[in-house]
Amino acid sequence: MSSNAYAIEAAGISAGIVIHERGGFRFYAAHESFTSMDGQIFKRPRDAEKAAEKLVADRPADRLRLAV
């Protein structure tokens, strides 16, 4: 049995969730550092995770707002 929703994490941060819908998995940001991904459709949950990881890697540490 497969799930329709998956949690996405990057660098230990809960980035958001993806929910399966027609055409792929829509990303919903759970952390303000990932709002640029909000609403994007990904083919697979792993694709969303890779995009979140890239966002973290490309962003200077002082611009990444980590939850305290």
N, C-alpha and C. Protein backbone atom coordinates (compact mmCIF):
# COMPACT_ATOMS: atom_id res chain seq x y z
N MET A 1 0.84 -1.18 0.00
CA MET A 1 0.00 0.00 0.00
C MET A 1 0.88 1.24 0.00
N SER A 2 0.61 2.17 -0.89
CA SER A 2 1.43 3.38 -0.95
C SER A 2 0.68 4.54 -0.30
N SER A 3 1.45 5.50 0.15
CA SER A 3 0.89 6.67 0.81
C SER A 3 0.63 7.78 -0.19
N ASN A 4 -0.28 8.67 0.16
CA ASN A 4 -0.58 9.83 -0.69
C ASN A 4 0.14 11.08 -0.21
N ALA A 5 0.79 11.01 0.95
CA ALA A 5 1.49 12.17 1.49
C ALA A 5 2.81 11.73 2.11
N TYR A 6 3.83 12.57 1.95
CA TYR A 6 5.16 12.28 2.47
C TYR A 6 5.75 13.54 3.09
N ALA A 7 6.43 13.36 4.22
CA ALA A 7 7.17 14.46 4.83
C ALA A 7 8.49 14.63 4.09
N ILE A 8 8.87 15.88 3.88
CA ILE A 8 10.13 16.20 3.19
C ILE A 8 11.04 16.92 4.18
N GLU A 9 12.24 16.40 4.34
CA GLU A 9 13.24 17.01 5.22
C GLU A 9 14.51 17.30 4.45
N ALA A 10 15.21 18.33 4.89
CA ALA A 10 16.50 18.70 4.32
C ALA A 10 17.35 19.30 5.42
N ALA A 11 18.55 18.79 5.57
CA ALA A 11 19.49 19.27 6.60
C ALA A 11 18.87 19.25 7.99
N GLY A 12 18.06 18.23 8.26
CA GLY A 12 17.43 18.10 9.56
C GLY A 12 16.27 19.04 9.80
N ILE A 13 15.82 19.73 8.77
CA ILE A 13 14.71 20.67 8.87
C ILE A 13 13.48 20.05 8.22
N SER A 14 12.32 20.14 8.87
CA SER A 14 11.08 19.72 8.23
C SER A 14 10.71 20.78 7.21
N ALA A 15 11.03 20.50 5.95
CA ALA A 15 10.81 21.47 4.88
C ALA A 15 9.34 21.60 4.53
N GLY A 16 8.63 20.47 4.50
CA GLY A 16 7.22 20.49 4.14
C GLY A 16 6.71 19.10 3.85
N ILE A 17 5.61 19.03 3.14
CA ILE A 17 5.04 17.76 2.75
C ILE A 17 4.72 17.80 1.26
N VAL A 18 4.64 16.62 0.65
CA VAL A 18 4.12 16.50 -0.70
C VAL A 18 2.88 15.62 -0.63
N ILE A 19 1.87 16.00 -1.39
CA ILE A 19 0.63 15.26 -1.44
C ILE A 19 0.37 14.87 -2.89
N HIS A 20 0.06 13.60 -3.08
CA HIS A 20 -0.19 13.10 -4.43
C HIS A 20 -1.48 13.69 -4.99
N GLU A 21 -1.39 14.16 -6.21
CA GLU A 21 -2.55 14.64 -6.95
C GLU A 21 -2.31 14.35 -8.42
N ARG A 22 -3.29 14.59 -9.22
CA ARG A 22 -3.12 14.33 -10.66
C ARG A 22 -1.89 15.08 -11.17
N GLY A 23 -1.02 14.36 -11.81
CA GLY A 23 0.16 14.98 -12.39
C GLY A 23 1.41 14.89 -11.54
N GLY A 24 1.30 14.43 -10.30
CA GLY A 24 2.49 14.32 -9.47
C GLY A 24 2.22 14.58 -8.00
N PHE A 25 3.22 15.13 -7.33
CA PHE A 25 3.14 15.42 -5.90
C PHE A 25 3.33 16.92 -5.69
N ARG A 26 2.34 17.56 -5.09
CA ARG A 26 2.42 19.01 -4.82
C ARG A 26 3.08 19.23 -3.47
N PHE A 27 4.04 20.17 -3.46
CA PHE A 27 4.79 20.51 -2.24
C PHE A 27 4.09 21.62 -1.48
N TYR A 28 3.98 21.44 -0.17
CA TYR A 28 3.44 22.46 0.74
C TYR A 28 4.51 22.74 1.79
N ALA A 29 4.99 23.96 1.82
CA ALA A 29 6.08 24.32 2.73
C ALA A 29 5.59 24.33 4.18
N ALA A 30 6.42 23.79 5.06
CA ALA A 30 6.16 23.80 6.50
C ALA A 30 7.13 24.73 7.22
N HIS A 31 8.13 25.21 6.51
CA HIS A 31 9.17 26.06 7.08
C HIS A 31 9.41 27.22 6.12
N GLU A 32 9.55 28.40 6.66
CA GLU A 32 9.66 29.60 5.83
C GLU A 32 10.84 29.58 4.85
N SER A 33 11.86 28.81 5.14
CA SER A 33 13.01 28.75 4.23
C SER A 33 12.70 28.01 2.93
N PHE A 34 11.53 27.36 2.87
CA PHE A 34 11.17 26.57 1.70
C PHE A 34 9.92 27.09 0.98
N THR A 35 9.53 28.30 1.29
CA THR A 35 8.33 28.85 0.65
C THR A 35 8.51 29.05 -0.86
N SER A 36 9.72 29.16 -1.32
CA SER A 36 9.94 29.30 -2.76
C SER A 36 9.54 28.03 -3.52
N MET A 37 9.44 26.91 -2.81
CA MET A 37 9.03 25.64 -3.41
C MET A 37 7.53 25.41 -3.29
N ASP A 38 6.86 26.21 -2.49
CA ASP A 38 5.45 26.00 -2.19
C ASP A 38 4.60 25.95 -3.46
N GLY A 39 3.82 24.89 -3.58
CA GLY A 39 2.93 24.73 -4.72
C GLY A 39 3.54 24.03 -5.92
N GLN A 40 4.83 23.81 -5.92
CA GLN A 40 5.48 23.14 -7.06
C GLN A 40 5.04 21.68 -7.12
N ILE A 41 4.96 21.16 -8.34
CA ILE A 41 4.62 19.76 -8.57
C ILE A 41 5.89 19.00 -8.90
N PHE A 42 6.07 17.86 -8.24
CA PHE A 42 7.22 16.99 -8.47
C PHE A 42 6.74 15.62 -8.92
N LYS A 43 7.50 14.98 -9.77
CA LYS A 43 7.13 13.67 -10.28
C LYS A 43 7.10 12.62 -9.16
N ARG A 44 8.10 12.70 -8.28
CA ARG A 44 8.22 11.76 -7.16
C ARG A 44 8.57 12.53 -5.89
N PRO A 45 8.21 11.99 -4.71
CA PRO A 45 8.59 12.64 -3.45
C PRO A 45 10.10 12.87 -3.35
N ARG A 46 10.90 11.92 -3.84
CA ARG A 46 12.36 12.07 -3.77
C ARG A 46 12.82 13.28 -4.56
N ASP A 47 12.12 13.63 -5.63
CA ASP A 47 12.49 14.82 -6.41
C ASP A 47 12.29 16.09 -5.58
N ALA A 48 11.25 16.12 -4.77
CA ALA A 48 11.01 17.26 -3.89
C ALA A 48 12.10 17.33 -2.82
N GLU A 49 12.47 16.17 -2.29
CA GLU A 49 13.54 16.13 -1.28
C GLU A 49 14.85 16.63 -1.86
N LYS A 50 15.17 16.22 -3.07
CA LYS A 50 16.41 16.68 -3.73
C LYS A 50 16.37 18.20 -3.93
N ALA A 51 15.22 18.73 -4.33
CA ALA A 51 15.10 20.18 -4.53
C ALA A 51 15.28 20.93 -3.21
N ALA A 52 14.72 20.38 -2.13
CA ALA A 52 14.88 21.01 -0.81
C ALA A 52 16.34 20.96 -0.37
N GLU A 53 17.00 19.84 -0.59
CA GLU A 53 18.41 19.72 -0.24
C GLU A 53 19.27 20.69 -1.04
N LYS A 54 18.94 20.86 -2.31
CA LYS A 54 19.68 21.81 -3.15
C LYS A 54 19.47 23.24 -2.65
N LEU A 55 18.25 23.55 -2.27
CA LEU A 55 17.95 24.89 -1.75
C LEU A 55 18.80 25.18 -0.51
N VAL A 56 18.91 24.21 0.37
CA VAL A 56 19.73 24.38 1.58
C VAL A 56 21.19 24.54 1.20
N ALA A 57 21.68 23.71 0.29
CA ALA A 57 23.09 23.75 -0.10
C ALA A 57 23.46 25.06 -0.80
N ASP A 58 22.51 25.62 -1.55
CA ASP A 58 22.78 26.84 -2.32
C ASP A 58 22.61 28.11 -1.49
N ARG A 59 22.01 28.00 -0.34
CA ARG A 59 21.72 29.18 0.48
C ARG A 59 22.81 29.37 1.53
N PRO A 60 23.34 30.57 1.66
CA PRO A 60 24.32 30.82 2.72
C PRO A 60 23.71 30.52 4.09
N ALA A 61 24.50 29.97 4.97
CA ALA A 61 24.01 29.55 6.29
C ALA A 61 23.33 30.68 7.04
N ASP A 62 23.79 31.90 6.89
CA ASP A 62 23.17 33.01 7.61
C ASP A 62 21.80 33.39 7.04
N ARG A 63 21.46 32.90 5.84
CA ARG A 63 20.16 33.20 5.25
C ARG A 63 19.16 32.08 5.46
N LEU A 64 19.63 30.95 5.97
CA LEU A 64 18.74 29.82 6.25
C LEU A 64 18.18 30.01 7.65
N ARG A 65 16.89 30.17 7.72
CA ARG A 65 16.24 30.42 9.01
C ARG A 65 15.91 29.08 9.65
N LEU A 66 16.68 28.70 10.64
CA LEU A 66 16.46 27.44 11.31
C LEU A 66 15.52 27.62 12.48
N ALA A 67 14.66 26.63 12.68
CA ALA A 67 13.74 26.67 13.83
C ALA A 67 14.55 26.53 15.11
N VAL A 68 14.16 27.27 16.11
CA VAL A 68 14.86 27.23 17.39
C VAL A 68 14.03 26.47 18.39
